[in-house]
PDB file of all heavy atoms in Angstrom:
ATOM      1  N   ASP A   1      81.270  97.763 103.079  1.00  0.00           N
ATOM      2  CA  ASP A   1      80.853  97.951 101.694  1.00  0.00           C
ATOM      3  C   ASP A   1      82.061  98.179 100.789  1.00  0.00           C
ATOM      4  O   ASP A   1      82.042  97.830  99.614  1.00  0.00           O
ATOM      5  CB  ASP A   1      79.921  99.167 101.576  1.00  0.00           C
ATOM      6  CG  ASP A   1      78.703  99.028 102.459  1.00  0.00           C
ATOM      7  OD1 ASP A   1      78.027  97.999 102.366  1.00  0.00           O
ATOM      8  OD2 ASP A   1      78.439  99.950 103.252  1.00  0.00           O
ATOM      9  N   GLN A   2      83.084  98.805 101.349  1.00  0.00           N
ATOM     10  CA  GLN A   2      84.296  99.117 100.605  1.00  0.00           C
ATOM     11  C   GLN A   2      85.486  98.814 101.498  1.00  0.00           C
ATOM     12  O   GLN A   2      85.450  99.063 102.704  1.00  0.00           O
ATOM     13  CB  GLN A   2      84.303 100.596 100.214  1.00  0.00           C
ATOM     14  CG  GLN A   2      85.514 101.033  99.442  1.00  0.00           C
ATOM     15  CD  GLN A   2      85.478 102.524  99.094  1.00  0.00           C
ATOM     16  OE1 GLN A   2      84.529 103.228  99.391  1.00  0.00           O
ATOM     17  NE2 GLN A   2      86.529 103.004  98.476  1.00  0.00           N
ATOM     18  N   VAL A   3      86.540  98.271 100.911  1.00  0.00           N
ATOM     19  CA  VAL A   3      87.752  97.975 101.667  1.00  0.00           C
ATOM     20  C   VAL A   3      88.917  98.745 101.050  1.00  0.00           C
ATOM     21  O   VAL A   3      89.157  98.667  99.853  1.00  0.00           O
ATOM     22  CB  VAL A   3      88.076  96.464 101.659  1.00  0.00           C
ATOM     23  CG1 VAL A   3      89.379  96.190 102.395  1.00  0.00           C
ATOM     24  CG2 VAL A   3      86.935  95.664 102.267  1.00  0.00           C
ATOM     25  N   VAL A   4      89.594  99.522 101.879  1.00  0.00           N
ATOM     26  CA  VAL A   4      90.828 100.183 101.480  1.00  0.00           C
ATOM     27  C   VAL A   4      91.956  99.285 101.974  1.00  0.00           C
ATOM     28  O   VAL A   4      92.046  98.995 103.172  1.00  0.00           O
ATOM     29  CB  VAL A   4      90.945 101.596 102.107  1.00  0.00           C
ATOM     30  CG1 VAL A   4      92.318 102.191 101.831  1.00  0.00           C
ATOM     31  CG2 VAL A   4      89.846 102.501 101.583  1.00  0.00           C
ATOM     32  N   LEU A   5      92.768  98.824 101.037  1.00  0.00           N
ATOM     33  CA  LEU A   5      93.846  97.917 101.415  1.00  0.00           C
ATOM     34  C   LEU A   5      95.002  98.673 102.058  1.00  0.00           C
ATOM     35  O   LEU A   5      95.376  99.757 101.619  1.00  0.00           O
ATOM     36  CB  LEU A   5      94.347  97.144 100.192  1.00  0.00           C
ATOM     37  CG  LEU A   5      93.329  96.181  99.589  1.00  0.00           C
ATOM     38  CD1 LEU A   5      93.926  95.502  98.356  1.00  0.00           C
ATOM     39  CD2 LEU A   5      92.880  95.145 100.601  1.00  0.00           C
ATOM     40  N   ARG A   6      95.537  98.075 103.104  1.00  0.00           N
ATOM     41  CA  ARG A   6      96.676  98.644 103.812  1.00  0.00           C
ATOM     42  C   ARG A   6      97.906  98.500 102.924  1.00  0.00           C
ATOM     43  O   ARG A   6      98.316  97.388 102.582  1.00  0.00           O
ATOM     44  CB  ARG A   6      96.860  97.902 105.136  1.00  0.00           C
ATOM     45  CG  ARG A   6      97.773  98.603 106.079  1.00  0.00           C
ATOM     46  CD  ARG A   6      97.747  98.005 107.476  1.00  0.00           C
ATOM     47  NE  ARG A   6      98.035  96.592 107.478  1.00  0.00           N
ATOM     48  CZ  ARG A   6      97.304  95.689 108.132  1.00  0.00           C
ATOM     49  NH1 ARG A   6      96.250  96.044 108.835  1.00  0.00           N
ATOM     50  NH2 ARG A   6      97.630  94.416 108.096  1.00  0.00           N
ATOM     51  N   ARG A   7      98.451  99.641 102.508  1.00  0.00           N
ATOM     52  CA  ARG A   7      99.617  99.656 101.611  1.00  0.00           C
ATOM     53  C   ARG A   7     100.781 100.401 102.249  1.00  0.00           C
ATOM     54  O   ARG A   7     101.812  99.844 102.521  1.00  0.00           O
ATOM     55  CB  ARG A   7      99.266 100.309 100.281  1.00  0.00           C
ATOM     56  CG  ARG A   7      98.156  99.628  99.532  1.00  0.00           C
ATOM     57  CD  ARG A   7      98.707  98.515  98.672  1.00  0.00           C
ATOM     58  NE  ARG A   7      97.633  97.997  97.820  1.00  0.00           N
ATOM     59  CZ  ARG A   7      97.389  96.720  97.659  1.00  0.00           C
ATOM     60  NH1 ARG A   7      98.115  95.821  98.264  1.00  0.00           N
ATOM     61  NH2 ARG A   7      96.401  96.315  96.882  1.00  0.00           N
ATOM     62  N   ARG A   8     100.601 101.733 102.445  1.00  0.00           N
ATOM     63  CA  ARG A   8     101.692 102.569 102.980  1.00  0.00           C
ATOM     64  C   ARG A   8     101.415 102.943 104.426  1.00  0.00           C
ATOM     65  O   ARG A   8     102.101 102.512 105.335  1.00  0.00           O
ATOM     66  CB  ARG A   8     101.863 103.816 102.118  1.00  0.00           C
ATOM     67  CG  ARG A   8     102.344 103.516 100.705  1.00  0.00           C
ATOM     68  CD  ARG A   8     102.512 104.784  99.891  1.00  0.00           C
ATOM     69  NE  ARG A   8     101.302 105.580  99.874  1.00  0.00           N
ATOM     70  CZ  ARG A   8     100.396 105.587  98.908  1.00  0.00           C
ATOM     71  NH1 ARG A   8     100.566 104.831  97.853  1.00  0.00           N
ATOM     72  NH2 ARG A   8      99.329 106.342  98.974  1.00  0.00           N
ATOM     73  N   ASN A   9     100.417 103.807 104.634  1.00  0.00           N
ATOM     74  CA  ASN A   9     100.034 104.201 105.987  1.00  0.00           C
ATOM     75  C   ASN A   9      98.568 104.601 105.962  1.00  0.00           C
ATOM     76  O   ASN A   9      97.996 104.864 104.901  1.00  0.00           O
ATOM     77  CB  ASN A   9     100.929 105.319 106.529  1.00  0.00           C
ATOM     78  CG  ASN A   9     100.832 106.589 105.719  1.00  0.00           C
ATOM     79  OD1 ASN A   9      99.776 107.197 105.635  1.00  0.00           O
ATOM     80  ND2 ASN A   9     101.948 107.005 105.127  1.00  0.00           N
ATOM     81  N   ALA A  10      97.943 104.659 107.119  1.00  0.00           N
ATOM     82  CA  ALA A  10      96.504 104.915 107.215  1.00  0.00           C
ATOM     83  C   ALA A  10      96.110 106.228 106.553  1.00  0.00           C
ATOM     84  O   ALA A  10      95.118 106.289 105.820  1.00  0.00           O
ATOM     85  CB  ALA A  10      96.054 104.898 108.675  1.00  0.00           C
ATOM     86  N   THR A  11      96.883 107.273 106.759  1.00  0.00           N
ATOM     87  CA  THR A  11      96.524 108.574 106.207  1.00  0.00           C
ATOM     88  C   THR A  11      96.476 108.537 104.686  1.00  0.00           C
ATOM     89  O   THR A  11      95.461 108.874 104.074  1.00  0.00           O
ATOM     90  CB  THR A  11      97.498 109.663 106.683  1.00  0.00           C
ATOM     91  OG1 THR A  11      97.406 109.774 108.105  1.00  0.00           O
ATOM     92  CG2 THR A  11      97.178 111.004 106.048  1.00  0.00           C
ATOM     93  N   SER A  12      97.560 108.148 104.048  1.00  0.00           N
ATOM     94  CA  SER A  12      97.582 108.170 102.580  1.00  0.00           C
ATOM     95  C   SER A  12      96.653 107.127 101.985  1.00  0.00           C
ATOM     96  O   SER A  12      95.998 107.388 100.970  1.00  0.00           O
ATOM     97  CB  SER A  12      99.004 108.014 102.047  1.00  0.00           C
ATOM     98  OG  SER A  12      99.557 106.779 102.434  1.00  0.00           O
ATOM     99  N   ASP A  13      96.558 105.965 102.592  1.00  0.00           N
ATOM    100  CA  ASP A  13      95.685 104.916 102.053  1.00  0.00           C
ATOM    101  C   ASP A  13      94.214 105.322 102.126  1.00  0.00           C
ATOM    102  O   ASP A  13      93.481 105.231 101.142  1.00  0.00           O
ATOM    103  CB  ASP A  13      95.893 103.595 102.804  1.00  0.00           C
ATOM    104  CG  ASP A  13      97.272 102.993 102.585  1.00  0.00           C
ATOM    105  OD1 ASP A  13      97.973 103.399 101.619  1.00  0.00           O
ATOM    106  OD2 ASP A  13      97.660 102.124 103.387  1.00  0.00           O
ATOM    107  N   ILE A  14      93.769 105.796 103.279  1.00  0.00           N
ATOM    108  CA  ILE A  14      92.358 106.167 103.447  1.00  0.00           C
ATOM    109  C   ILE A  14      92.028 107.431 102.662  1.00  0.00           C
ATOM    110  O   ILE A  14      90.990 107.520 102.005  1.00  0.00           O
ATOM    111  CB  ILE A  14      91.992 106.292 104.936  1.00  0.00           C
ATOM    112  CG1 ILE A  14      92.045 104.900 105.583  1.00  0.00           C
ATOM    113  CG2 ILE A  14      90.608 106.934 105.118  1.00  0.00           C
ATOM    114  CD1 ILE A  14      91.918 104.879 107.080  1.00  0.00           C
ATOM    115  N   ARG A  15      92.920 108.408 102.682  1.00  0.00           N
ATOM    116  CA  ARG A  15      92.651 109.642 101.931  1.00  0.00           C
ATOM    117  C   ARG A  15      92.702 109.410 100.426  1.00  0.00           C
ATOM    118  O   ARG A  15      92.171 110.197  99.657  1.00  0.00           O
ATOM    119  CB  ARG A  15      93.571 110.762 102.362  1.00  0.00           C
ATOM    120  CG  ARG A  15      93.133 111.310 103.729  1.00  0.00           C
ATOM    121  CD  ARG A  15      93.701 112.667 103.996  1.00  0.00           C
ATOM    122  NE  ARG A  15      93.227 113.181 105.267  1.00  0.00           N
ATOM    123  CZ  ARG A  15      92.435 114.225 105.378  1.00  0.00           C
ATOM    124  NH1 ARG A  15      92.013 114.852 104.303  1.00  0.00           N
ATOM    125  NH2 ARG A  15      92.058 114.647 106.565  1.00  0.00           N
ATOM    126  N   GLY A  16      93.290 108.317  99.988  1.00  0.00           N
ATOM    127  CA  GLY A  16      93.221 107.948  98.577  1.00  0.00           C
ATOM    128  C   GLY A  16      91.792 107.621  98.173  1.00  0.00           C
ATOM    129  O   GLY A  16      91.360 107.895  97.054  1.00  0.00           O
ATOM    130  N   ALA A  17      91.028 107.052  99.097  1.00  0.00           N
ATOM    131  CA  ALA A  17      89.626 106.714  98.842  1.00  0.00           C
ATOM    132  C   ALA A  17      88.689 107.833  99.258  1.00  0.00           C
ATOM    133  O   ALA A  17      87.637 108.043  98.653  1.00  0.00           O
ATOM    134  CB  ALA A  17      89.257 105.435  99.597  1.00  0.00           C
ATOM    135  N   LEU A  18      89.051 108.560 100.313  1.00  0.00           N
ATOM    136  CA  LEU A  18      88.249 109.672 100.842  1.00  0.00           C
ATOM    137  C   LEU A  18      89.151 110.899 100.946  1.00  0.00           C
ATOM    138  O   LEU A  18      89.720 111.160 102.011  1.00  0.00           O
ATOM    139  CB  LEU A  18      87.702 109.323 102.235  1.00  0.00           C
ATOM    140  CG  LEU A  18      86.770 108.137 102.362  1.00  0.00           C
ATOM    141  CD1 LEU A  18      86.517 107.804 103.826  1.00  0.00           C
ATOM    142  CD2 LEU A  18      85.464 108.433 101.651  1.00  0.00           C
ATOM    143  N   PRO A  19      89.299 111.667  99.864  1.00  0.00           N
ATOM    144  CA  PRO A  19      90.243 112.792  99.875  1.00  0.00           C
ATOM    145  C   PRO A  19      90.040 113.788 101.018  1.00  0.00           C
ATOM    146  O   PRO A  19      91.009 114.349 101.518  1.00  0.00           O
ATOM    147  CB  PRO A  19      90.021 113.455  98.510  1.00  0.00           C
ATOM    148  CG  PRO A  19      89.502 112.354  97.648  1.00  0.00           C
ATOM    149  CD  PRO A  19      88.671 111.490  98.558  1.00  0.00           C
ATOM    150  N   GLY A  20      88.816 113.975 101.461  1.00  0.00           N
ATOM    151  CA  GLY A  20      88.553 114.895 102.569  1.00  0.00           C
ATOM    152  C   GLY A  20      88.741 114.262 103.927  1.00  0.00           C
ATOM    153  O   GLY A  20      88.591 114.907 104.953  1.00  0.00           O
ATOM    154  N   GLY A  21      89.078 112.994 103.952  1.00  0.00           N
ATOM    155  CA  GLY A  21      89.218 112.253 105.209  1.00  0.00           C
ATOM    156  C   GLY A  21      87.913 111.615 105.623  1.00  0.00           C
ATOM    157  O   GLY A  21      86.844 111.970 105.137  1.00  0.00           O
ATOM    158  N   ALA A  22      87.998 110.677 106.526  1.00  0.00           N
ATOM    159  CA  ALA A  22      86.814 109.990 107.047  1.00  0.00           C
ATOM    160  C   ALA A  22      86.122 110.884 108.072  1.00  0.00           C
ATOM    161  O   ALA A  22      86.784 111.425 108.956  1.00  0.00           O
ATOM    162  CB  ALA A  22      87.222 108.678 107.710  1.00  0.00           C
ATOM    163  N   PRO A  23      84.810 111.074 107.962  1.00  0.00           N
ATOM    164  CA  PRO A  23      84.121 111.896 108.952  1.00  0.00           C
ATOM    165  C   PRO A  23      84.198 111.290 110.349  1.00  0.00           C
ATOM    166  O   PRO A  23      84.216 112.001 111.344  1.00  0.00           O
ATOM    167  CB  PRO A  23      82.686 111.969 108.444  1.00  0.00           C
ATOM    168  CG  PRO A  23      82.554 110.919 107.402  1.00  0.00           C
ATOM    169  CD  PRO A  23      83.932 110.563 106.930  1.00  0.00           C
ATOM    170  N   ALA A  24      84.267 109.972 110.405  1.00  0.00           N
ATOM    171  CA  ALA A  24      84.434 109.267 111.683  1.00  0.00           C
ATOM    172  C   ALA A  24      85.251 108.018 111.404  1.00  0.00           C
ATOM    173  O   ALA A  24      85.082 107.376 110.377  1.00  0.00           O
ATOM    174  CB  ALA A  24      83.087 108.904 112.283  1.00  0.00           C
ATOM    175  N   LEU A  25      86.124 107.685 112.318  1.00  0.00           N
ATOM    176  CA  LEU A  25      86.979 106.523 112.147  1.00  0.00           C
ATOM    177  C   LEU A  25      86.992 105.745 113.452  1.00  0.00           C
ATOM    178  O   LEU A  25      87.197 106.316 114.517  1.00  0.00           O
ATOM    179  CB  LEU A  25      88.401 106.979 111.784  1.00  0.00           C
ATOM    180  CG  LEU A  25      89.371 105.893 111.360  1.00  0.00           C
ATOM    181  CD1 LEU A  25      90.292 106.422 110.275  1.00  0.00           C
ATOM    182  CD2 LEU A  25      90.170 105.369 112.522  1.00  0.00           C
ATOM    183  N   ILE A  26      86.746 104.454 113.359  1.00  0.00           N
ATOM    184  CA  ILE A  26      86.822 103.572 114.525  1.00  0.00           C
ATOM    185  C   ILE A  26      88.149 102.837 114.437  1.00  0.00           C
ATOM    186  O   ILE A  26      88.386 102.069 113.508  1.00  0.00           O
ATOM    187  CB  ILE A  26      85.640 102.579 114.562  1.00  0.00           C
ATOM    188  CG1 ILE A  26      84.320 103.347 114.626  1.00  0.00           C
ATOM    189  CG2 ILE A  26      85.790 101.627 115.746  1.00  0.00           C
ATOM    190  CD1 ILE A  26      83.096 102.467 114.477  1.00  0.00           C
ATOM    191  N   ASP A  27      89.013 103.090 115.389  1.00  0.00           N
ATOM    192  CA  ASP A  27      90.367 102.542 115.402  1.00  0.00           C
ATOM    193  C   ASP A  27      90.411 101.305 116.288  1.00  0.00           C
ATOM    194  O   ASP A  27      90.524 101.408 117.507  1.00  0.00           O
ATOM    195  CB  ASP A  27      91.340 103.616 115.895  1.00  0.00           C
ATOM    196  CG  ASP A  27      92.777 103.128 116.003  1.00  0.00           C
ATOM    197  OD1 ASP A  27      93.086 102.032 115.487  1.00  0.00           O
ATOM    198  OD2 ASP A  27      93.589 103.854 116.600  1.00  0.00           O
ATOM    199  N   CYS A  28      90.352 100.146 115.669  1.00  0.00           N
ATOM    200  CA  CYS A  28      90.439  98.877 116.410  1.00  0.00           C
ATOM    201  C   CYS A  28      91.860  98.320 116.386  1.00  0.00           C
ATOM    202  O   CYS A  28      92.127  97.301 117.001  1.00  0.00           O
ATOM    203  CB  CYS A  28      89.486  97.852 115.801  1.00  0.00           C
ATOM    204  SG  CYS A  28      87.759  98.332 115.893  1.00  0.00           S
ATOM    205  N   ALA A  29      92.744  98.978 115.659  1.00  0.00           N
ATOM    206  CA  ALA A  29      94.108  98.477 115.485  1.00  0.00           C
ATOM    207  C   ALA A  29      95.134  99.240 116.307  1.00  0.00           C
ATOM    208  O   ALA A  29      96.331  99.058 116.117  1.00  0.00           O
ATOM    209  CB  ALA A  29      94.485  98.543 114.012  1.00  0.00           C
ATOM    210  N   ALA A  30      94.681 100.103 117.204  1.00  0.00           N
ATOM    211  CA  ALA A  30      95.573 100.906 118.044  1.00  0.00           C
ATOM    212  C   ALA A  30      96.534 101.756 117.222  1.00  0.00           C
ATOM    213  O   ALA A  30      97.709 101.885 117.541  1.00  0.00           O
ATOM    214  CB  ALA A  30      96.325 100.025 119.036  1.00  0.00           C
ATOM    215  N   LEU A  31      96.011 102.354 116.146  1.00  0.00           N
ATOM    216  CA  LEU A  31      96.818 103.291 115.360  1.00  0.00           C
ATOM    217  C   LEU A  31      97.030 104.589 116.125  1.00  0.00           C
ATOM    218  O   LEU A  31      98.029 105.264 115.942  1.00  0.00           O
ATOM    219  CB  LEU A  31      96.145 103.581 114.018  1.00  0.00           C
ATOM    220  CG  LEU A  31      96.015 102.394 113.064  1.00  0.00           C
ATOM    221  CD1 LEU A  31      95.177 102.774 111.860  1.00  0.00           C
ATOM    222  CD2 LEU A  31      97.386 101.898 112.646  1.00  0.00           C
ATOM    223  N   ASN A  32      96.043 104.949 116.959  1.00  0.00           N
ATOM    224  CA  ASN A  32      96.110 106.140 117.799  1.00  0.00           C
ATOM    225  C   ASN A  32      96.438 107.388 116.978  1.00  0.00           C
ATOM    226  O   ASN A  32      95.732 107.689 116.029  1.00  0.00           O
ATOM    227  CB  ASN A  32      97.076 105.930 118.962  1.00  0.00           C
ATOM    228  CG  ASN A  32      96.700 104.735 119.807  1.00  0.00           C
ATOM    229  OD1 ASN A  32      95.533 104.422 119.971  1.00  0.00           O
ATOM    230  ND2 ASN A  32      97.684 104.053 120.342  1.00  0.00           N
ATOM    231  N   ALA A  33      97.502 108.104 117.309  1.00  0.00           N
ATOM    232  CA  ALA A  33      97.830 109.360 116.630  1.00  0.00           C
ATOM    233  C   ALA A  33      98.050 109.160 115.135  1.00  0.00           C
ATOM    234  O   ALA A  33      97.787 110.061 114.338  1.00  0.00           O
ATOM    235  CB  ALA A  33      99.062 109.991 117.265  1.00  0.00           C
ATOM    236  N   GLN A  34      98.492 107.977 114.722  1.00  0.00           N
ATOM    237  CA  GLN A  34      98.707 107.703 113.309  1.00  0.00           C
ATOM    238  C   GLN A  34      97.396 107.722 112.517  1.00  0.00           C
ATOM    239  O   GLN A  34      97.411 107.905 111.304  1.00  0.00           O
ATOM    240  CB  GLN A  34      99.383 106.354 113.124  1.00  0.00           C
ATOM    241  CG  GLN A  34     100.773 106.288 113.711  1.00  0.00           C
ATOM    242  CD  GLN A  34     101.316 104.869 113.695  1.00  0.00           C
ATOM    243  OE1 GLN A  34     100.864 104.020 112.938  1.00  0.00           O
ATOM    244  NE2 GLN A  34     102.293 104.615 114.537  1.00  0.00           N
ATOM    245  N   ALA A  35      96.249 107.550 113.195  1.00  0.00           N
ATOM    246  CA  ALA A  35      94.955 107.554 112.521  1.00  0.00           C
ATOM    247  C   ALA A  35      94.410 108.963 112.321  1.00  0.00           C
ATOM    248  O   ALA A  35      93.526 109.169 111.488  1.00  0.00           O
ATOM    249  CB  ALA A  35      93.951 106.721 113.319  1.00  0.00           C
TER     250      ALA A  35
END
Protein backbone atom coordinates (compact mmCIF):
# COMPACT_ATOMS: atom_id res chain seq x y z
CA ASP A 1 0.00 0.00 0.00
CA GLN A 2 2.95 2.27 0.74
CA VAL A 3 6.54 2.15 -0.46
CA VAL A 4 9.44 3.64 1.47
CA LEU A 5 12.25 4.24 -0.98
CA ARG A 6 15.70 2.99 -0.09
CA ARG A 7 17.82 6.12 0.36
CA ARG A 8 20.27 5.97 3.30
CA ASN A 9 19.67 2.92 5.49
CA ALA A 10 16.71 0.81 6.63
CA THR A 11 16.48 2.38 10.07
CA SER A 12 16.34 6.03 9.04
CA ASP A 13 14.32 5.39 5.88
CA ILE A 14 11.62 3.28 7.57
CA ARG A 15 11.48 5.37 10.73
CA GLY A 16 10.94 8.41 8.51
CA ALA A 17 7.59 6.84 7.58
CA LEU A 18 6.96 5.05 10.90
CA PRO A 19 8.60 7.09 13.69
CA GLY A 20 7.88 4.41 16.30
CA GLY A 21 9.30 1.69 14.06
CA ALA A 22 7.55 -1.15 12.28
CA PRO A 23 5.63 -3.44 14.64
CA ALA A 24 6.74 -6.34 12.45
CA LEU A 25 9.25 -6.46 9.64
CA ILE A 26 9.80 -9.24 7.11
CA ASP A 27 13.42 -9.14 5.99
CA CYS A 28 13.74 -10.68 2.53
CA ALA A 29 16.92 -8.76 1.73
CA ALA A 30 19.16 -10.30 4.42
CA LEU A 31 19.54 -7.00 6.27
CA ASN A 32 19.69 -9.02 9.50
CA ALA A 33 21.01 -6.85 12.37
CA GLN A 34 20.77 -3.75 10.17
CA ALA A 35 16.96 -4.19 10.16
